[in-house]
């Protein structure tokens, strides 16, 4: 059964944050809030924990995982960032955006897309995430703690669906905090509770591996991306 650690959403208590990070260093898997949805995560360097995240999400090894970094400068250690991509990212982060980028050697193979050798990286606008990243000193895996839609669930085999403990988002409404906690309290090691109900809007995904950015998914913050793309085209 998971240990529930309560952390203030605006002023994260250092003692509570350190408690979570000690467990992450030991290979724990956690359920935690972000600026989009509650996520399942672990230390990027904990291979066994990453395997567990994949099992929980029913993800095959060819499906890449996203991870959180604290800043744009930190992203440069884990991904190749060209000038145009840098300008776009600098405008958008921190915020609800996932950037697909060519991975460096620091990215574990368990996380990246094995064919394209790309990875998904986010810089969240969320105080608890910032505190965890700063204290841990490593990026944190971030995989949404629910299936995004009925369509996503339909792509799973019946066996996978039956084995997956995660609730499905339907009609634009996500699971409540109580539902999430109930689904995962016997599966993860730590649950971070910020006292708030979880969001259900996912991040906007931008593929920055080509010459021009490609919008893979429209999510939170999409309007800012559209404005930037319009300005870039006009210029």
Protein backbone atom coordinates (compact mmCIF):
# COMPACT_ATOMS: atom_id res chain seq x y z
CA UNK A 1 0.00 0.00 0.00
CA UNK A 2 1.31 3.44 -0.95
CA UNK A 3 2.48 6.01 1.54
CA UNK A 4 0.54 9.26 1.12
CA UNK A 5 2.70 12.37 1.49
CA UNK A 6 0.82 15.67 1.74
CA UNK A 7 2.65 18.63 0.20
CA UNK A 8 1.39 22.21 0.07
CA UNK A 9 0.74 23.24 -3.57
CA UNK A 10 2.17 26.77 -3.22
CA UNK A 11 4.78 26.30 -0.49
CA UNK A 12 6.09 22.74 -0.67
CA UNK A 13 7.53 21.70 2.70
CA UNK A 14 11.19 20.73 2.26
CA UNK A 15 10.89 17.88 4.76
CA UNK A 16 8.03 16.30 2.82
CA UNK A 17 9.74 16.83 -0.51
CA UNK A 18 12.93 15.19 0.78
CA UNK A 19 10.91 12.24 2.06
CA UNK A 20 9.55 11.64 -1.44
CA UNK A 21 12.96 12.07 -3.06
CA UNK A 22 14.64 9.61 -0.69
CA UNK A 23 12.18 7.00 -1.85
CA UNK A 24 12.64 7.92 -5.52
CA UNK A 25 16.40 7.45 -5.16
CA UNK A 26 15.68 3.97 -3.81
CA UNK A 27 13.62 3.10 -6.89
CA UNK A 28 10.10 4.04 -5.80
CA UNK A 29 7.26 4.77 -8.22
CA UNK A 30 4.96 7.65 -7.32
CA UNK A 31 1.63 9.19 -8.24
CA UNK A 32 2.00 12.98 -8.22
CA UNK A 33 0.35 16.20 -9.42
CA UNK A 34 1.65 18.26 -12.33
CA UNK A 35 0.42 21.38 -14.11
CA UNK A 36 -1.69 19.17 -16.42
CA UNK A 37 -2.81 15.84 -14.93
CA UNK A 38 -1.74 13.58 -12.11
CA UNK A 39 1.19 11.51 -13.35
CA UNK A 40 2.94 8.25 -12.58
CA UNK A 41 6.66 8.84 -12.26
CA UNK A 42 10.05 7.86 -10.94
CA UNK A 43 13.70 8.88 -11.03
CA UNK A 44 14.89 8.88 -14.66
CA UNK A 45 17.95 6.88 -13.59
CA UNK A 46 15.98 4.12 -11.82
CA UNK A 47 15.66 1.44 -14.51
CA UNK A 48 13.56 -1.00 -12.50
CA UNK A 49 11.18 1.81 -11.58
CA UNK A 50 10.84 2.78 -15.25
CA UNK A 51 9.96 -0.83 -16.04
CA UNK A 52 7.22 -0.66 -13.40
CA UNK A 53 5.83 2.56 -14.90
CA UNK A 54 5.63 0.81 -18.25
CA UNK A 55 3.85 -2.15 -16.69
CA UNK A 56 1.32 0.10 -14.97
CA UNK A 57 0.62 1.96 -18.21
CA UNK A 58 0.70 -1.23 -20.29
CA UNK A 59 3.31 0.33 -22.58
CA UNK A 60 5.56 -1.72 -24.83
CA UNK A 61 9.26 -0.86 -24.97
CA UNK A 62 8.89 0.91 -28.32
CA UNK A 63 6.60 3.53 -26.76
CA UNK A 64 8.65 6.49 -25.45
CA UNK A 65 8.11 8.01 -22.03
CA UNK A 66 8.14 11.71 -21.19
CA UNK A 67 10.21 13.15 -18.39
CA UNK A 68 10.33 16.48 -16.55
CA UNK A 69 13.32 18.83 -16.45
CA UNK A 70 13.60 21.98 -14.32
CA UNK A 71 14.75 24.38 -17.05
CA UNK A 72 15.64 24.88 -20.69
CA UNK A 73 19.35 24.75 -19.88
CA UNK A 74 18.81 21.36 -18.26
CA UNK A 75 17.01 20.08 -21.36
CA UNK A 76 20.17 20.68 -23.40
CA UNK A 77 21.91 17.91 -21.46
CA UNK A 78 19.29 15.36 -22.52
CA UNK A 79 18.33 16.51 -26.02
CA UNK A 80 19.76 18.15 -29.11
CA UNK A 81 18.13 21.58 -29.35
CA UNK A 82 18.53 23.53 -32.59
CA UNK A 83 18.22 27.33 -32.68
CA UNK A 84 14.63 27.44 -33.97
CA UNK A 85 13.51 24.88 -31.42
CA UNK A 86 15.28 26.81 -28.68
CA UNK A 87 13.45 30.04 -29.56
CA UNK A 88 10.06 28.31 -29.49
CA UNK A 89 10.76 26.49 -26.25
CA UNK A 90 12.07 29.64 -24.57
CA UNK A 91 8.77 31.34 -25.39
CA UNK A 92 6.58 28.52 -24.09
CA UNK A 93 8.22 27.14 -20.97
CA UNK A 94 7.54 26.60 -18.21
CA UNK A 95 4.13 25.33 -19.18
CA UNK A 96 1.94 22.46 -20.38
CA UNK A 97 4.07 21.45 -23.36
CA UNK A 98 5.85 18.23 -24.29
CA UNK A 99 8.70 18.59 -26.76
CA UNK A 100 9.87 15.66 -28.88
CA UNK A 101 13.60 16.05 -29.48
CA UNK A 102 16.63 13.98 -30.53
CA UNK A 103 17.95 12.30 -27.39
CA UNK A 104 21.52 12.50 -26.09
CA UNK A 105 23.41 9.60 -24.52
CA UNK A 106 22.18 10.65 -21.07
CA UNK A 107 18.66 9.47 -21.90
CA UNK A 108 18.10 5.82 -20.89
CA UNK A 109 17.09 3.54 -23.75
CA UNK A 110 14.06 2.49 -21.70
CA UNK A 111 12.66 6.00 -22.09
CA UNK A 112 13.39 6.99 -25.68
CA UNK A 113 11.83 5.93 -28.97
CA UNK A 114 14.21 3.15 -30.09
CA UNK A 115 13.69 3.70 -33.83
CA UNK A 116 13.87 7.48 -33.94
CA UNK A 117 16.06 7.86 -30.82
CA UNK A 118 13.90 10.74 -29.69
CA UNK A 119 12.57 11.64 -26.28
CA UNK A 120 9.74 13.70 -24.84
CA UNK A 121 10.67 16.43 -22.36
CA UNK A 122 8.59 18.87 -20.32
CA UNK A 123 9.39 21.86 -18.11
CA UNK A 124 6.28 22.13 -15.93
CA UNK A 125 4.84 25.25 -14.37
CA UNK A 126 4.19 23.62 -11.02
CA UNK A 127 5.77 24.33 -7.64
CA UNK A 128 5.70 20.77 -6.33
CA UNK A 129 7.33 19.49 -9.51
CA UNK A 130 10.00 22.19 -9.24
CA UNK A 131 10.71 21.26 -5.63
CA UNK A 132 10.96 17.56 -6.44
CA UNK A 133 13.26 18.16 -9.41
CA UNK A 134 15.53 20.47 -7.45
CA UNK A 135 15.80 18.14 -4.47
CA UNK A 136 16.16 14.92 -6.47
CA UNK A 137 18.72 16.38 -8.85
CA UNK A 138 17.54 14.18 -11.72
CA UNK A 139 14.71 14.41 -14.25
CA UNK A 140 11.46 12.70 -13.29
CA UNK A 141 9.47 10.39 -15.54
CA UNK A 142 5.96 11.74 -16.18
CA UNK A 143 3.28 9.48 -17.64
CA UNK A 144 -0.37 10.49 -17.24
CA UNK A 145 -2.16 8.54 -14.53
CA UNK A 146 -5.14 7.73 -16.72
CA UNK A 147 -5.91 6.56 -20.22
CA UNK A 148 -6.55 9.63 -22.28
CA UNK A 149 -9.62 8.46 -24.12
CA UNK A 150 -11.81 5.54 -25.11
CA UNK A 151 -9.79 5.45 -28.35
CA UNK A 152 -6.56 4.90 -26.42
CA UNK A 153 -8.18 2.06 -24.51
CA UNK A 154 -9.51 0.57 -27.75
CA UNK A 155 -5.95 0.23 -29.07
CA UNK A 156 -5.08 -2.07 -26.17
CA UNK A 157 -5.72 -5.80 -26.28
CA UNK A 158 -8.42 -7.16 -24.03
CA UNK A 159 -5.76 -8.70 -21.82
CA UNK A 160 -3.91 -5.38 -21.55
CA UNK A 161 -7.12 -3.49 -20.76
CA UNK A 162 -8.12 -5.94 -18.06
CA UNK A 163 -4.66 -5.72 -16.51
CA UNK A 164 -4.51 -1.93 -16.63
CA UNK A 165 -5.61 -0.31 -13.35
CA UNK A 166 -6.00 3.18 -14.77
CA UNK A 167 -9.33 4.99 -15.27
CA UNK A 168 -10.35 6.28 -18.71
CA UNK A 169 -11.14 9.92 -19.41
CA UNK A 170 -14.45 10.27 -21.25
CA UNK A 171 -16.42 13.29 -22.45
CA UNK A 172 -13.72 15.71 -21.29
CA UNK A 173 -13.96 14.68 -17.64
CA UNK A 174 -11.13 13.07 -15.75
CA UNK A 175 -11.12 10.83 -12.70
CA UNK A 176 -11.46 12.43 -9.29
CA UNK A 177 -8.57 12.37 -6.86
CA UNK A 178 -10.36 9.75 -4.77
CA UNK A 179 -10.79 7.54 -7.84
CA UNK A 180 -7.14 7.87 -8.80
CA UNK A 181 -5.92 7.16 -5.29
CA UNK A 182 -8.22 4.17 -5.00
CA UNK A 183 -7.05 2.75 -8.34
CA UNK A 184 -3.35 3.08 -7.60
CA UNK A 185 -2.83 2.90 -3.84
CA UNK A 186 -1.85 -0.79 -4.06
CA UNK A 187 0.30 -0.32 -7.16
CA UNK A 188 2.56 2.71 -6.58
CA UNK A 189 4.83 3.27 -3.58
CA UNK A 190 4.14 6.95 -2.90
CA UNK A 191 1.15 9.21 -3.51
CA UNK A 192 1.78 12.95 -3.39
CA UNK A 193 -1.38 14.74 -2.29
CA UNK A 194 -1.51 18.50 -2.85
CA UNK A 195 -5.06 18.81 -1.50
CA UNK A 196 -6.48 19.73 -4.91
CA UNK A 197 -8.56 17.88 -7.45
CA UNK A 198 -6.52 16.69 -10.45
CA UNK A 199 -6.65 18.34 -13.83
CA UNK A 200 -7.72 16.31 -16.85
CA UNK A 201 -6.37 18.38 -19.76
CA UNK A 202 -3.22 16.88 -21.24
CA UNK A 203 -0.16 18.73 -22.53
CA UNK A 204 0.29 19.97 -26.08
CA UNK A 205 2.89 17.81 -27.86
CA UNK A 206 5.27 19.42 -30.36
CA UNK A 207 7.67 17.42 -32.51
CA UNK A 208 10.78 19.57 -32.91
CA UNK A 209 12.93 17.01 -34.71
CA UNK A 210 12.19 18.39 -38.19
CA UNK A 211 12.87 21.77 -39.78
CA UNK A 212 9.37 22.99 -38.88
CA UNK A 213 7.57 22.15 -35.62
CA UNK A 214 4.84 19.54 -35.97
CA UNK A 215 1.84 19.59 -33.66
CA UNK A 216 1.33 15.99 -32.56
CA UNK A 217 -1.44 16.72 -30.05
CA UNK A 218 -3.42 19.83 -29.16
CA UNK A 219 -3.78 20.13 -25.40
CA UNK A 220 -3.42 22.79 -22.74
CA UNK A 221 -1.74 25.95 -23.98
CA UNK A 222 -2.40 25.18 -27.62
CA UNK A 223 -3.51 28.78 -28.28
CA UNK A 224 -0.05 30.13 -27.43
CA UNK A 225 1.52 27.69 -29.88
CA UNK A 226 -0.93 28.72 -32.62
CA UNK A 227 -0.12 32.40 -32.01
CA UNK A 228 3.62 31.73 -32.22
CA UNK A 229 3.29 29.67 -35.39
CA UNK A 230 1.23 32.45 -36.97
CA UNK A 231 3.82 35.07 -36.05
CA UNK A 232 6.65 32.88 -37.30
CA UNK A 233 4.88 32.36 -40.64
CA UNK A 234 4.24 36.10 -41.04
CA UNK A 235 7.87 36.94 -40.36
